């Protein structure tokens, strides 16, 4: 991350919430997945959907499958303190990353054993 305020958040201590509709999608990505064209690692990654608390409620979204495609993940996701979010997004856009946006938030987990995430 280019900002010193970025943190690594451990899933055993937080519950992430993110809005699936807020995730920017490249043109043609959904059509490619709908045509059955995915990477060889996609099925293995899809097995991790067991950690999505409400997966049955959101798995029908067209971009759901893209959450598990290794070609569309990686260094494009960062966790930053809420009070720095707007500043971070504005700086990223100023640097030319026009699609930068907030896609979710994290809250303290009610129990340290929780590994579930929620998609809204």
Foldseek 3Di string as FASTA:
>chain_A
DPDPQFDDDDLLWKAKEFALVLDDDDPPPLVCVVVVDADPCLVVQVVVCVQAPPCVVPVPDSCNSVVRGPVNDDPPDTDGDPVCVVVVQVVCVVVPPVSDDDTIDIDTDPGSRRNHYYYD
